[in-house]
Amino acid sequence: MNARRSAGASGSRAGATARNRMPFPETLPPSRTVAVRSADGTRLHAEVFGPADGYPIVLTHGITCALRAWAYQIADLSADYRVIAFDHRGHGRSGLPRRKNYGLKDLASDLDSVLDATLAPHERAVLAGHSMGGIAIAAWSARYRHKVARRADAVALINTTTGDLLQKLQLLPVPRGLSPARILAGRALLAAFGGFPVPAPARVPSRYLVGMLATGRDAGPAVASLIYELFEQTSPAGRSGCARTLVASLGAKHLDLNGLTVPTLVIGSQRDRLTPISQARRIARTAPNVVGLVELPGGHCSMLEHPRTVSGHLRALAESVAHDPRTSLISS
């Protein structure tokens, strides 16, 4: 594994924040919509941005978000690459599953369906996943191990985890002796996470809670507003269904990463409350082909809090595996 890279280590936190803050793209670039059907029939919404012959980069978002969470990266990378982004089941413009199927096998299958629908035969891409999107990639690599080298040239796992979700969750600081109570409280909070429409009187405290969990204190107001807007627009069934899956699936036994054999970049944040930096470091120690660990200041949504840095790392990763970014067909 390459030496750890820490963004902003030579300058102040304020300086790093100022360098990364940029106007939020209010509109996404022109795109082509692709209607995808998952294995269980759930309708998935996907969009393709950038040149049709560009090398593909696939972006998969986190819980209670949508593809717009990647707005900075879509705007930047689609100038040179074919950027594919989709909404998870129960999120954004994707449909709700008929039988409350929100398991990791469903998230993995959805990603596989999107790859089949948007990539040509024998075509490979860089896959980047934030939070639950990274979990989906990990689950896909375990369930579809035979497809990893056929569909992925490289992977970026951003602010994500493979296990110990409740054990590492940093909601509030508590004494070590009270950590079991913290785990129980975290389980109750996440299991019921947003499983109801947000009533008007609860919007202010809900906005504060979502912002506190999802972003660092230096995040700009546009970032915090977008995160809450996406949360509120996610269906309650999608929120609670995915939250329950994460609580049930990410315990002491971590997801198997042995199938993730392609070059893997890990990005974590030093003040991430949901997937603390220790989770990124563990992935960097255990994934079989890690090419770098990037530690950023800030909170859980690094692609929004540090868009230039994250986009730069994704661009560098794509360049490292695709010598010509305008050529997307790769021999099998």
C-alpha atoms as a PDB file:
ATOM      1  CA  MET A   1       0.000   0.000   0.000  1.00  0.00           C
ATOM      2  CA  ASN A   2       1.246   3.498  -0.757  1.00  0.00           C
ATOM      3  CA  ALA A   3       2.059   5.847   2.088  1.00  0.00           C
ATOM      4  CA  ARG A   4      -0.899   7.530   3.721  1.00  0.00           C
ATOM      5  CA  ARG A   5      -1.788  10.883   2.186  1.00  0.00           C
ATOM      6  CA  SER A   6      -3.388  13.500   4.400  1.00  0.00           C
ATOM      7  CA  ALA A   7      -4.956  16.452   2.590  1.00  0.00           C
ATOM      8  CA  GLY A   8      -4.130  19.827   4.044  1.00  0.00           C
ATOM      9  CA  ALA A   9      -1.481  18.460   6.393  1.00  0.00           C
ATOM     10  CA  SER A  10       0.924  21.282   5.579  1.00  0.00           C
ATOM     11  CA  GLY A  11      -1.609  24.066   6.005  1.00  0.00           C
ATOM     12  CA  SER A  12      -4.328  25.147   8.384  1.00  0.00           C
ATOM     13  CA  ARG A  13      -7.771  23.578   8.423  1.00  0.00           C
ATOM     14  CA  ALA A  14      -9.237  26.926   7.411  1.00  0.00           C
ATOM     15  CA  GLY A  15      -6.864  27.139   4.474  1.00  0.00           C
ATOM     16  CA  ALA A  16      -7.774  23.653   3.292  1.00  0.00           C
ATOM     17  CA  THR A  17     -11.463  24.465   3.629  1.00  0.00           C
ATOM     18  CA  ALA A  18     -11.117  27.693   1.669  1.00  0.00           C
ATOM     19  CA  ARG A  19      -9.260  25.942  -1.130  1.00  0.00           C
ATOM     20  CA  ASN A  20     -11.970  23.313  -1.462  1.00  0.00           C
ATOM     21  CA  ARG A  21     -15.037  25.524  -1.126  1.00  0.00           C
ATOM     22  CA  MET A  22     -16.543  26.335  -4.498  1.00  0.00           C
ATOM     23  CA  PRO A  23     -19.970  27.351  -5.814  1.00  0.00           C
ATOM     24  CA  PHE A  24     -22.408  24.457  -5.744  1.00  0.00           C
ATOM     25  CA  PRO A  25     -23.603  23.422  -9.241  1.00  0.00           C
ATOM     26  CA  GLU A  26     -27.291  24.309  -9.137  1.00  0.00           C
ATOM     27  CA  THR A  27     -27.950  22.308 -12.302  1.00  0.00           C
ATOM     28  CA  LEU A  28     -26.316  19.150 -13.543  1.00  0.00           C
ATOM     29  CA  PRO A  29     -24.787  18.920 -17.036  1.00  0.00           C
ATOM     30  CA  PRO A  30     -26.922  17.483 -19.857  1.00  0.00           C
ATOM     31  CA  SER A  31     -27.457  13.773 -19.426  1.00  0.00           C
ATOM     32  CA  ARG A  32     -29.019  10.696 -20.943  1.00  0.00           C
ATOM     33  CA  THR A  33     -31.470   8.849 -18.704  1.00  0.00           C
ATOM     34  CA  VAL A  34     -31.219   5.073 -18.553  1.00  0.00           C
ATOM     35  CA  ALA A  35     -34.119   3.082 -17.121  1.00  0.00           C
ATOM     36  CA  VAL A  36     -32.730   0.058 -15.290  1.00  0.00           C
ATOM     37  CA  ARG A  37     -34.641  -2.919 -13.934  1.00  0.00           C
ATOM     38  CA  SER A  38     -33.123  -4.697 -10.973  1.00  0.00           C
ATOM     39  CA  ALA A  39     -33.182  -8.466 -10.602  1.00  0.00           C
ATOM     40  CA  ASP A  40     -36.331  -8.258  -8.452  1.00  0.00           C
ATOM     41  CA  GLY A  41     -38.027  -5.832 -10.836  1.00  0.00           C
ATOM     42  CA  THR A  42     -37.393  -2.608  -8.918  1.00  0.00           C
ATOM     43  CA  ARG A  43     -37.100   0.386 -11.229  1.00  0.00           C
ATOM     44  CA  LEU A  44     -33.733   2.159 -10.912  1.00  0.00           C
ATOM     45  CA  HIS A  45     -33.006   5.655 -12.216  1.00  0.00           C
ATOM     46  CA  ALA A  46     -29.589   6.150 -13.827  1.00  0.00           C
ATOM     47  CA  GLU A  47     -28.103   9.063 -15.756  1.00  0.00           C
ATOM     48  CA  VAL A  48     -25.082   9.224 -18.039  1.00  0.00           C
ATOM     49  CA  PHE A  49     -23.127  12.480 -18.369  1.00  0.00           C
ATOM     50  CA  GLY A  50     -20.243  13.517 -20.594  1.00  0.00           C
ATOM     51  CA  PRO A  51     -18.879  12.219 -23.915  1.00  0.00           C
ATOM     52  CA  ALA A  52     -20.468   9.014 -25.168  1.00  0.00           C
ATOM     53  CA  ASP A  53     -17.030   7.604 -26.004  1.00  0.00           C
ATOM     54  CA  GLY A  54     -15.455   8.681 -22.718  1.00  0.00           C
ATOM     55  CA  TYR A  55     -13.923   6.292 -20.230  1.00  0.00           C
ATOM     56  CA  PRO A  56     -16.654   5.432 -17.671  1.00  0.00           C
ATOM     57  CA  ILE A  57     -16.697   6.398 -14.002  1.00  0.00           C
ATOM     58  CA  VAL A  58     -19.629   5.001 -12.000  1.00  0.00           C
ATOM     59  CA  LEU A  59     -20.769   6.895  -8.893  1.00  0.00           C
ATOM     60  CA  THR A  60     -22.950   5.350  -6.192  1.00  0.00           C
ATOM     61  CA  HIS A  61     -24.304   7.529  -3.367  1.00  0.00           C
ATOM     62  CA  GLY A  62     -24.966   7.055   0.347  1.00  0.00           C
ATOM     63  CA  ILE A  63     -28.078   6.539   2.433  1.00  0.00           C
ATOM     64  CA  THR A  64     -30.792   9.249   2.259  1.00  0.00           C
ATOM     65  CA  CYS A  65     -29.013  10.875  -0.674  1.00  0.00           C
ATOM     66  CA  ALA A  66     -29.409  10.691  -4.458  1.00  0.00           C
ATOM     67  CA  LEU A  67     -27.168  11.059  -7.475  1.00  0.00           C
ATOM     68  CA  ARG A  68     -27.194  14.853  -6.952  1.00  0.00           C
ATOM     69  CA  ALA A  69     -24.900  14.283  -3.976  1.00  0.00           C
ATOM     70  CA  TRP A  70     -22.193  13.840  -6.630  1.00  0.00           C
ATOM     71  CA  ALA A  71     -22.978  17.186  -8.315  1.00  0.00           C
ATOM     72  CA  TYR A  72     -19.443  18.557  -7.951  1.00  0.00           C
ATOM     73  CA  GLN A  73     -17.837  15.394  -9.323  1.00  0.00           C
ATOM     74  CA  ILE A  74     -20.358  15.082 -12.165  1.00  0.00           C
ATOM     75  CA  ALA A  75     -19.729  18.692 -13.226  1.00  0.00           C
ATOM     76  CA  ASP A  76     -15.953  18.260 -13.100  1.00  0.00           C
ATOM     77  CA  LEU A  77     -15.363  14.749 -14.382  1.00  0.00           C
ATOM     78  CA  SER A  78     -17.973  14.756 -17.164  1.00  0.00           C
ATOM     79  CA  ALA A  79     -15.839  17.243 -19.099  1.00  0.00           C
ATOM     80  CA  ASP A  80     -13.495  14.350 -19.930  1.00  0.00           C
ATOM     81  CA  TYR A  81     -15.153  11.136 -18.785  1.00  0.00           C
ATOM     82  CA  ARG A  82     -18.453   9.359 -19.205  1.00  0.00           C
ATOM     83  CA  VAL A  83     -19.914   9.680 -15.723  1.00  0.00           C
ATOM     84  CA  ILE A  84     -22.655   7.239 -14.729  1.00  0.00           C
ATOM     85  CA  ALA A  85     -24.656   7.915 -11.569  1.00  0.00           C
ATOM     86  CA  PHE A  86     -27.791   6.254 -10.238  1.00  0.00           C
ATOM     87  CA  ASP A  87     -30.258   6.426  -7.368  1.00  0.00           C
ATOM     88  CA  HIS A  88     -30.426   3.480  -4.980  1.00  0.00           C
ATOM     89  CA  ARG A  89     -33.766   1.720  -4.521  1.00  0.00           C
ATOM     90  CA  GLY A  90     -36.085   3.809  -2.369  1.00  0.00           C
ATOM     91  CA  HIS A  91     -33.991   6.917  -3.054  1.00  0.00           C
ATOM     92  CA  GLY A  92     -34.192   9.796  -5.506  1.00  0.00           C
ATOM     93  CA  ARG A  93     -36.102   8.901  -8.655  1.00  0.00           C
ATOM     94  CA  SER A  94     -35.754   5.144  -8.254  1.00  0.00           C
ATOM     95  CA  GLY A  95     -38.709   3.030  -7.238  1.00  0.00           C
ATOM     96  CA  LEU A  96     -39.593   1.269  -4.013  1.00  0.00           C
ATOM     97  CA  PRO A  97     -39.090  -2.505  -3.943  1.00  0.00           C
ATOM     98  CA  ARG A  98     -42.321  -4.488  -3.766  1.00  0.00           C
ATOM     99  CA  ARG A  99     -41.319  -6.751  -0.890  1.00  0.00           C
ATOM    100  CA  LYS A 100     -39.250  -4.352   1.226  1.00  0.00           C
ATOM    101  CA  ASN A 101     -36.084  -5.819  -0.254  1.00  0.00           C
ATOM    102  CA  TYR A 102     -33.300  -3.569   1.028  1.00  0.00           C
ATOM    103  CA  GLY A 103     -30.672  -6.206   1.855  1.00  0.00           C
ATOM    104  CA  LEU A 104     -27.015  -5.996   0.912  1.00  0.00           C
ATOM    105  CA  LYS A 105     -27.670  -8.635  -1.750  1.00  0.00           C
ATOM    106  CA  ASP A 106     -30.245  -6.260  -3.262  1.00  0.00           C
ATOM    107  CA  LEU A 107     -27.845  -3.300  -3.240  1.00  0.00           C
ATOM    108  CA  ALA A 108     -25.170  -5.492  -4.824  1.00  0.00           C
ATOM    109  CA  SER A 109     -27.605  -6.772  -7.436  1.00  0.00           C
ATOM    110  CA  ASP A 110     -28.753  -3.232  -8.231  1.00  0.00           C
ATOM    111  CA  LEU A 111     -25.182  -2.119  -8.879  1.00  0.00           C
ATOM    112  CA  ASP A 112     -24.649  -5.134 -11.113  1.00  0.00           C
ATOM    113  CA  SER A 113     -27.828  -4.302 -13.045  1.00  0.00           C
ATOM    114  CA  VAL A 114     -26.693  -0.697 -13.544  1.00  0.00           C
ATOM    115  CA  LEU A 115     -23.300  -1.849 -14.822  1.00  0.00           C
ATOM    116  CA  ASP A 116     -24.947  -4.246 -17.276  1.00  0.00           C
ATOM    117  CA  ALA A 117     -27.337  -1.535 -18.504  1.00  0.00           C
ATOM    118  CA  THR A 118     -24.808   1.270 -18.929  1.00  0.00           C
ATOM    119  CA  LEU A 119     -21.538  -0.416 -19.907  1.00  0.00           C
ATOM    120  CA  ALA A 120     -20.827  -2.163 -23.179  1.00  0.00           C
ATOM    121  CA  PRO A 121     -19.841  -5.842 -23.195  1.00  0.00           C
ATOM    122  CA  HIS A 122     -16.220  -6.248 -22.035  1.00  0.00           C
ATOM    123  CA  GLU A 123     -16.168  -2.628 -20.842  1.00  0.00           C
ATOM    124  CA  ARG A 124     -14.691  -1.771 -17.456  1.00  0.00           C
ATOM    125  CA  ALA A 125     -15.029   1.342 -15.316  1.00  0.00           C
ATOM    126  CA  VAL A 126     -13.798   3.041 -12.192  1.00  0.00           C
ATOM    127  CA  LEU A 127     -16.406   2.528  -9.450  1.00  0.00           C
ATOM    128  CA  ALA A 128     -16.667   5.106  -6.665  1.00  0.00           C
ATOM    129  CA  GLY A 129     -18.971   4.644  -3.693  1.00  0.00           C
ATOM    130  CA  HIS A 130     -19.749   6.977  -0.804  1.00  0.00           C
ATOM    131  CA  SER A 131     -20.984   5.542   2.511  1.00  0.00           C
ATOM    132  CA  MET A 132     -23.756   3.059   1.636  1.00  0.00           C
ATOM    133  CA  GLY A 133     -22.537   3.258  -1.962  1.00  0.00           C
ATOM    134  CA  GLY A 134     -19.150   1.958  -0.835  1.00  0.00           C
ATOM    135  CA  ILE A 135     -20.903  -0.793   1.111  1.00  0.00           C
ATOM    136  CA  ALA A 136     -22.799  -1.700  -2.072  1.00  0.00           C
ATOM    137  CA  ILE A 137     -19.507  -1.988  -3.972  1.00  0.00           C
ATOM    138  CA  ALA A 138     -18.022  -4.190  -1.238  1.00  0.00           C
ATOM    139  CA  ALA A 139     -21.128  -6.398  -1.236  1.00  0.00           C
ATOM    140  CA  TRP A 140     -21.038  -6.567  -5.051  1.00  0.00           C
ATOM    141  CA  SER A 141     -17.381  -7.656  -5.003  1.00  0.00           C
ATOM    142  CA  ALA A 142     -18.258 -10.500  -2.611  1.00  0.00           C
ATOM    143  CA  ARG A 143     -21.445 -11.629  -4.362  1.00  0.00           C
ATOM    144  CA  TYR A 144     -20.210 -11.173  -7.947  1.00  0.00           C
ATOM    145  CA  ARG A 145     -16.537 -11.943  -7.440  1.00  0.00           C
ATOM    146  CA  HIS A 146     -16.309 -13.462 -10.916  1.00  0.00           C
ATOM    147  CA  LYS A 147     -17.356 -10.121 -12.431  1.00  0.00           C
ATOM    148  CA  VAL A 148     -15.032  -7.764 -10.550  1.00  0.00           C
ATOM    149  CA  ALA A 149     -12.079  -7.914 -12.945  1.00  0.00           C
ATOM    150  CA  ARG A 150     -14.469  -7.932 -15.925  1.00  0.00           C
ATOM    151  CA  ARG A 151     -16.374  -4.791 -14.898  1.00  0.00           C
ATOM    152  CA  ALA A 152     -14.018  -2.731 -12.705  1.00  0.00           C
ATOM    153  CA  ASP A 153     -10.585  -1.330 -13.472  1.00  0.00           C
ATOM    154  CA  ALA A 154     -10.356   0.318 -10.052  1.00  0.00           C
ATOM    155  CA  VAL A 155     -12.505   1.245  -7.065  1.00  0.00           C
ATOM    156  CA  ALA A 156     -12.717   4.215  -4.683  1.00  0.00           C
ATOM    157  CA  LEU A 157     -14.306   3.639  -1.265  1.00  0.00           C
ATOM    158  CA  ILE A 158     -15.225   6.984   0.295  1.00  0.00           C
ATOM    159  CA  ASN A 159     -16.364   7.560   3.902  1.00  0.00           C
ATOM    160  CA  THR A 160     -17.578   4.006   4.229  1.00  0.00           C
ATOM    161  CA  THR A 161     -17.313   0.900   6.389  1.00  0.00           C
ATOM    162  CA  THR A 162     -17.411  -2.877   6.218  1.00  0.00           C
ATOM    163  CA  GLY A 163     -18.586  -3.608   9.783  1.00  0.00           C
ATOM    164  CA  ASP A 164     -18.776  -2.478  13.418  1.00  0.00           C
ATOM    165  CA  LEU A 165     -21.208   0.243  12.379  1.00  0.00           C
ATOM    166  CA  LEU A 166     -22.780   0.776  15.801  1.00  0.00           C
ATOM    167  CA  GLN A 167     -19.572   0.090  17.730  1.00  0.00           C
ATOM    168  CA  LYS A 168     -17.757   2.911  15.921  1.00  0.00           C
ATOM    169  CA  LEU A 169     -20.667   5.324  15.484  1.00  0.00           C
ATOM    170  CA  GLN A 170     -19.858   8.655  17.152  1.00  0.00           C
ATOM    171  CA  LEU A 171     -23.188  10.205  18.063  1.00  0.00           C
ATOM    172  CA  LEU A 172     -22.175  11.606  21.435  1.00  0.00           C
ATOM    173  CA  PRO A 173     -19.029  11.136  23.536  1.00  0.00           C
ATOM    174  CA  VAL A 174     -19.709   8.767  26.432  1.00  0.00           C
ATOM    175  CA  PRO A 175     -17.486   7.093  29.051  1.00  0.00           C
ATOM    176  CA  ARG A 176     -16.126   3.704  28.040  1.00  0.00           C
ATOM    177  CA  GLY A 177     -18.286   1.959  30.639  1.00  0.00           C
ATOM    178  CA  LEU A 178     -21.416   3.307  28.982  1.00  0.00           C
ATOM    179  CA  SER A 179     -20.518   2.208  25.464  1.00  0.00           C
ATOM    180  CA  PRO A 180     -23.122  -0.633  25.466  1.00  0.00           C
ATOM    181  CA  ALA A 181     -25.799   1.975  26.133  1.00  0.00           C
ATOM    182  CA  ARG A 182     -24.437   4.058  23.271  1.00  0.00           C
ATOM    183  CA  ILE A 183     -24.688   1.048  20.964  1.00  0.00           C
ATOM    184  CA  LEU A 184     -28.281   0.389  21.985  1.00  0.00           C
ATOM    185  CA  ALA A 185     -29.166   4.052  21.466  1.00  0.00           C
ATOM    186  CA  GLY A 186     -27.455   4.065  18.084  1.00  0.00           C
ATOM    187  CA  ARG A 187     -29.287   0.897  17.062  1.00  0.00           C
ATOM    188  CA  ALA A 188     -32.643   2.408  17.997  1.00  0.00           C
ATOM    189  CA  LEU A 189     -31.870   5.675  16.198  1.00  0.00           C
ATOM    190  CA  LEU A 190     -30.660   4.076  12.975  1.00  0.00           C
ATOM    191  CA  ALA A 191     -33.296   1.346  12.926  1.00  0.00           C
ATOM    192  CA  ALA A 192     -36.010   4.008  13.026  1.00  0.00           C
ATOM    193  CA  PHE A 193     -33.928   6.426  10.950  1.00  0.00           C
ATOM    194  CA  GLY A 194     -36.305   8.706   9.154  1.00  0.00           C
ATOM    195  CA  GLY A 195     -39.013   6.078   8.837  1.00  0.00           C
ATOM    196  CA  PHE A 196     -41.664   8.772   8.763  1.00  0.00           C
ATOM    197  CA  PRO A 197     -42.340  12.046   6.906  1.00  0.00           C
ATOM    198  CA  VAL A 198     -40.739  15.014   8.633  1.00  0.00           C
ATOM    199  CA  PRO A 199     -43.550  17.182  10.084  1.00  0.00           C
ATOM    200  CA  ALA A 200     -43.137  20.947   9.858  1.00  0.00           C
ATOM    201  CA  PRO A 201     -42.437  21.476  13.609  1.00  0.00           C
ATOM    202  CA  ALA A 202     -39.630  18.898  13.468  1.00  0.00           C
ATOM    203  CA  ARG A 203     -37.796  20.332  10.479  1.00  0.00           C
ATOM    204  CA  VAL A 204     -35.466  22.622  12.416  1.00  0.00           C
ATOM    205  CA  PRO A 205     -34.243  19.956  14.877  1.00  0.00           C
ATOM    206  CA  SER A 206     -34.156  17.372  12.080  1.00  0.00           C
ATOM    207  CA  ARG A 207     -32.056  19.694   9.932  1.00  0.00           C
ATOM    208  CA  TYR A 208     -29.638  20.166  12.829  1.00  0.00           C
ATOM    209  CA  LEU A 209     -29.380  16.418  13.521  1.00  0.00           C
ATOM    210  CA  VAL A 210     -28.833  15.494   9.875  1.00  0.00           C
ATOM    211  CA  GLY A 211     -26.250  18.246   9.457  1.00  0.00           C
ATOM    212  CA  MET A 212     -24.427  17.248  12.640  1.00  0.00           C
ATOM    213  CA  LEU A 213     -24.211  13.607  11.584  1.00  0.00           C
ATOM    214  CA  ALA A 214     -23.407  14.120   7.915  1.00  0.00           C
ATOM    215  CA  THR A 215     -21.026  17.084   7.730  1.00  0.00           C
ATOM    216  CA  GLY A 216     -18.124  18.673   9.553  1.00  0.00           C
ATOM    217  CA  ARG A 217     -18.439  22.024  11.247  1.00  0.00           C
ATOM    218  CA  ASP A 218     -16.604  23.798   8.426  1.00  0.00           C
ATOM    219  CA  ALA A 219     -19.046  22.650   5.733  1.00  0.00           C
ATOM    220  CA  GLY A 220     -20.636  25.509   3.820  1.00  0.00           C
ATOM    221  CA  PRO A 221     -24.354  26.278   4.157  1.00  0.00           C
ATOM    222  CA  ALA A 222     -25.075  25.056   0.620  1.00  0.00           C
ATOM    223  CA  VAL A 223     -23.708  21.629   1.522  1.00  0.00           C
ATOM    224  CA  ALA A 224     -25.768  21.357   4.702  1.00  0.00           C
ATOM    225  CA  SER A 225     -28.890  22.504   2.846  1.00  0.00           C
ATOM    226  CA  LEU A 226     -28.417  19.948   0.080  1.00  0.00           C
ATOM    227  CA  ILE A 227     -27.870  17.094   2.528  1.00  0.00           C
ATOM    228  CA  TYR A 228     -31.080  17.906   4.385  1.00  0.00           C
ATOM    229  CA  GLU A 229     -33.019  18.442   1.153  1.00  0.00           C
ATOM    230  CA  LEU A 230     -31.968  15.009  -0.098  1.00  0.00           C
ATOM    231  CA  PHE A 231     -32.836  13.473   3.279  1.00  0.00           C
ATOM    232  CA  GLU A 232     -36.304  15.015   3.263  1.00  0.00           C
ATOM    233  CA  GLN A 233     -36.919  13.963  -0.348  1.00  0.00           C
ATOM    234  CA  THR A 234     -35.957  10.342   0.295  1.00  0.00           C
ATOM    235  CA  SER A 235     -39.015   8.197   0.915  1.00  0.00           C
ATOM    236  CA  PRO A 236     -39.458   7.172   4.571  1.00  0.00           C
ATOM    237  CA  ALA A 237     -39.595   3.545   3.419  1.00  0.00           C
ATOM    238  CA  GLY A 238     -36.264   3.920   1.644  1.00  0.00           C
ATOM    239  CA  ARG A 239     -34.638   5.621   4.624  1.00  0.00           C
ATOM    240  CA  SER A 240     -35.762   3.098   7.207  1.00  0.00           C
ATOM    241  CA  GLY A 241     -35.372   0.053   4.959  1.00  0.00           C
ATOM    242  CA  CYS A 242     -31.739   0.786   4.159  1.00  0.00           C
ATOM    243  CA  ALA A 243     -30.954   1.862   7.734  1.00  0.00           C
ATOM    244  CA  ARG A 244     -32.308  -1.403   9.112  1.00  0.00           C
ATOM    245  CA  THR A 245     -30.224  -3.340   6.604  1.00  0.00           C
ATOM    246  CA  LEU A 246     -27.047  -1.523   7.597  1.00  0.00           C
ATOM    247  CA  VAL A 247     -27.700  -2.059  11.309  1.00  0.00           C
ATOM    248  CA  ALA A 248     -28.439  -5.762  10.789  1.00  0.00           C
ATOM    249  CA  SER A 249     -25.595  -6.465   8.345  1.00  0.00           C
ATOM    250  CA  LEU A 250     -22.635  -4.439   9.600  1.00  0.00           C
ATOM    251  CA  GLY A 251     -21.813  -5.994  12.948  1.00  0.00           C
ATOM    252  CA  ALA A 252     -18.662  -7.499  14.413  1.00  0.00           C
ATOM    253  CA  LYS A 253     -18.157  -9.666  11.320  1.00  0.00           C
ATOM    254  CA  HIS A 254     -16.909  -7.373   8.564  1.00  0.00           C
ATOM    255  CA  LEU A 255     -17.767  -7.731   4.899  1.00  0.00           C
ATOM    256  CA  ASP A 256     -15.382  -9.927   2.949  1.00  0.00           C
ATOM    257  CA  LEU A 257     -13.163  -7.788   0.703  1.00  0.00           C
ATOM    258  CA  ASN A 258     -11.078 -10.622  -0.744  1.00  0.00           C
ATOM    259  CA  GLY A 259     -12.915 -10.336  -4.042  1.00  0.00           C
ATOM    260  CA  LEU A 260     -11.977  -6.666  -4.402  1.00  0.00           C
ATOM    261  CA  THR A 261      -8.814  -7.485  -6.317  1.00  0.00           C
ATOM    262  CA  VAL A 262      -8.635  -4.345  -8.476  1.00  0.00           C
ATOM    263  CA  PRO A 263      -6.694  -1.225  -7.399  1.00  0.00           C
ATOM    264  CA  THR A 264      -8.589   0.346  -4.502  1.00  0.00           C
ATOM    265  CA  LEU A 265      -8.351   3.908  -3.206  1.00  0.00           C
ATOM    266  CA  VAL A 266      -9.693   4.583   0.294  1.00  0.00           C
ATOM    267  CA  ILE A 267     -10.800   8.068   1.376  1.00  0.00           C
ATOM    268  CA  GLY A 268     -11.845   8.896   4.941  1.00  0.00           C
ATOM    269  CA  SER A 269     -12.447  11.987   7.050  1.00  0.00           C
ATOM    270  CA  GLN A 270     -10.939  12.841  10.405  1.00  0.00           C
ATOM    271  CA  ARG A 271     -14.212  14.084  11.933  1.00  0.00           C
ATOM    272  CA  ASP A 272     -16.626  11.641  10.344  1.00  0.00           C
ATOM    273  CA  ARG A 273     -19.230  10.679  12.958  1.00  0.00           C
ATOM    274  CA  LEU A 274     -20.961   7.964  10.931  1.00  0.00           C
ATOM    275  CA  THR A 275     -17.974   6.082   9.509  1.00  0.00           C
ATOM    276  CA  PRO A 276     -14.992   7.326  11.553  1.00  0.00           C
ATOM    277  CA  ILE A 277     -11.484   7.449  10.134  1.00  0.00           C
ATOM    278  CA  SER A 278     -10.671   4.188  11.935  1.00  0.00           C
ATOM    279  CA  GLN A 279     -13.041   2.474   9.501  1.00  0.00           C
ATOM    280  CA  ALA A 280     -11.151   3.811   6.482  1.00  0.00           C
ATOM    281  CA  ARG A 281      -7.854   2.728   8.027  1.00  0.00           C
ATOM    282  CA  ARG A 282      -9.193  -0.767   8.604  1.00  0.00           C
ATOM    283  CA  ILE A 283     -10.314  -1.064   4.985  1.00  0.00           C
ATOM    284  CA  ALA A 284      -6.879   0.136   3.876  1.00  0.00           C
ATOM    285  CA  ARG A 285      -5.290  -2.628   5.977  1.00  0.00           C
ATOM    286  CA  THR A 286      -7.581  -5.431   4.848  1.00  0.00           C
ATOM    287  CA  ALA A 287      -8.507  -4.847   1.193  1.00  0.00           C
ATOM    288  CA  PRO A 288      -6.176  -6.884  -1.032  1.00  0.00           C
ATOM    289  CA  ASN A 289      -5.062  -4.220  -3.535  1.00  0.00           C
ATOM    290  CA  VAL A 290      -5.081  -0.816  -1.842  1.00  0.00           C
ATOM    291  CA  VAL A 291      -3.182   1.870  -3.756  1.00  0.00           C
ATOM    292  CA  GLY A 292      -3.671   4.702  -1.265  1.00  0.00           C
ATOM    293  CA  LEU A 293      -5.355   5.975   1.865  1.00  0.00           C
ATOM    294  CA  VAL A 294      -6.403   9.636   1.842  1.00  0.00           C
ATOM    295  CA  GLU A 295      -7.342  11.250   5.149  1.00  0.00           C
ATOM    296  CA  LEU A 296      -9.272  14.515   4.825  1.00  0.00           C
ATOM    297  CA  PRO A 297     -10.410  17.030   7.411  1.00  0.00           C
ATOM    298  CA  GLY A 298     -14.147  17.436   7.842  1.00  0.00           C
ATOM    299  CA  GLY A 299     -17.146  15.155   8.189  1.00  0.00           C
ATOM    300  CA  HIS A 300     -18.942  12.302   6.489  1.00  0.00           C
ATOM    301  CA  CYS A 301     -19.663  13.899   3.088  1.00  0.00           C
ATOM    302  CA  SER A 302     -16.147  14.549   1.826  1.00  0.00           C
ATOM    303  CA  MET A 303     -17.191  14.683  -1.840  1.00  0.00           C
ATOM    304  CA  LEU A 304     -19.296  17.755  -0.929  1.00  0.00           C
ATOM    305  CA  GLU A 305     -17.057  19.223   1.765  1.00  0.00           C
ATOM    306  CA  HIS A 306     -13.819  18.801  -0.223  1.00  0.00           C
ATOM    307  CA  PRO A 307     -15.015  18.522  -3.825  1.00  0.00           C
ATOM    308  CA  ARG A 308     -11.787  19.577  -5.541  1.00  0.00           C
ATOM    309  CA  THR A 309      -9.718  17.090  -3.574  1.00  0.00           C
ATOM    310  CA  VAL A 310     -12.095  14.164  -4.051  1.00  0.00           C
ATOM    311  CA  SER A 311     -12.598  14.907  -7.752  1.00  0.00           C
ATOM    312  CA  GLY A 312      -8.838  15.176  -8.176  1.00  0.00           C
ATOM    313  CA  HIS A 313      -8.263  11.768  -6.619  1.00  0.00           C
ATOM    314  CA  LEU A 314     -10.988  10.178  -8.751  1.00  0.00           C
ATOM    315  CA  ARG A 315      -9.512  11.753 -11.863  1.00  0.00           C
ATOM    316  CA  ALA A 316      -6.030  10.518 -10.949  1.00  0.00           C
ATOM    317  CA  LEU A 317      -7.382   7.025 -10.284  1.00  0.00           C
ATOM    318  CA  ALA A 318      -9.115   6.954 -13.669  1.00  0.00           C
ATOM    319  CA  GLU A 319      -5.995   8.238 -15.413  1.00  0.00           C
ATOM    320  CA  SER A 320      -3.926   5.518 -13.760  1.00  0.00           C
ATOM    321  CA  VAL A 321      -6.022   2.742 -15.303  1.00  0.00           C
ATOM    322  CA  ALA A 322      -7.230   4.364 -18.542  1.00  0.00           C
ATOM    323  CA  HIS A 323      -4.391   5.880 -20.503  1.00  0.00           C
ATOM    324  CA  ASP A 324      -6.800   7.481 -22.970  1.00  0.00           C
ATOM    325  CA  PRO A 325      -9.854   8.893 -21.124  1.00  0.00           C
ATOM    326  CA  ARG A 326     -11.734   9.081 -24.448  1.00  0.00           C
ATOM    327  CA  THR A 327     -11.425   5.334 -25.003  1.00  0.00           C
ATOM    328  CA  SER A 328     -13.837   3.202 -23.029  1.00  0.00           C
ATOM    329  CA  LEU A 329     -13.835  -0.178 -24.760  1.00  0.00           C
ATOM    330  CA  ILE A 330     -11.253  -2.444 -23.201  1.00  0.00           C
ATOM    331  CA  SER A 331     -10.444  -5.875 -24.504  1.00  0.00           C
ATOM    332  CA  SER A 332     -11.488  -8.755 -22.284  1.00  0.00           C
END
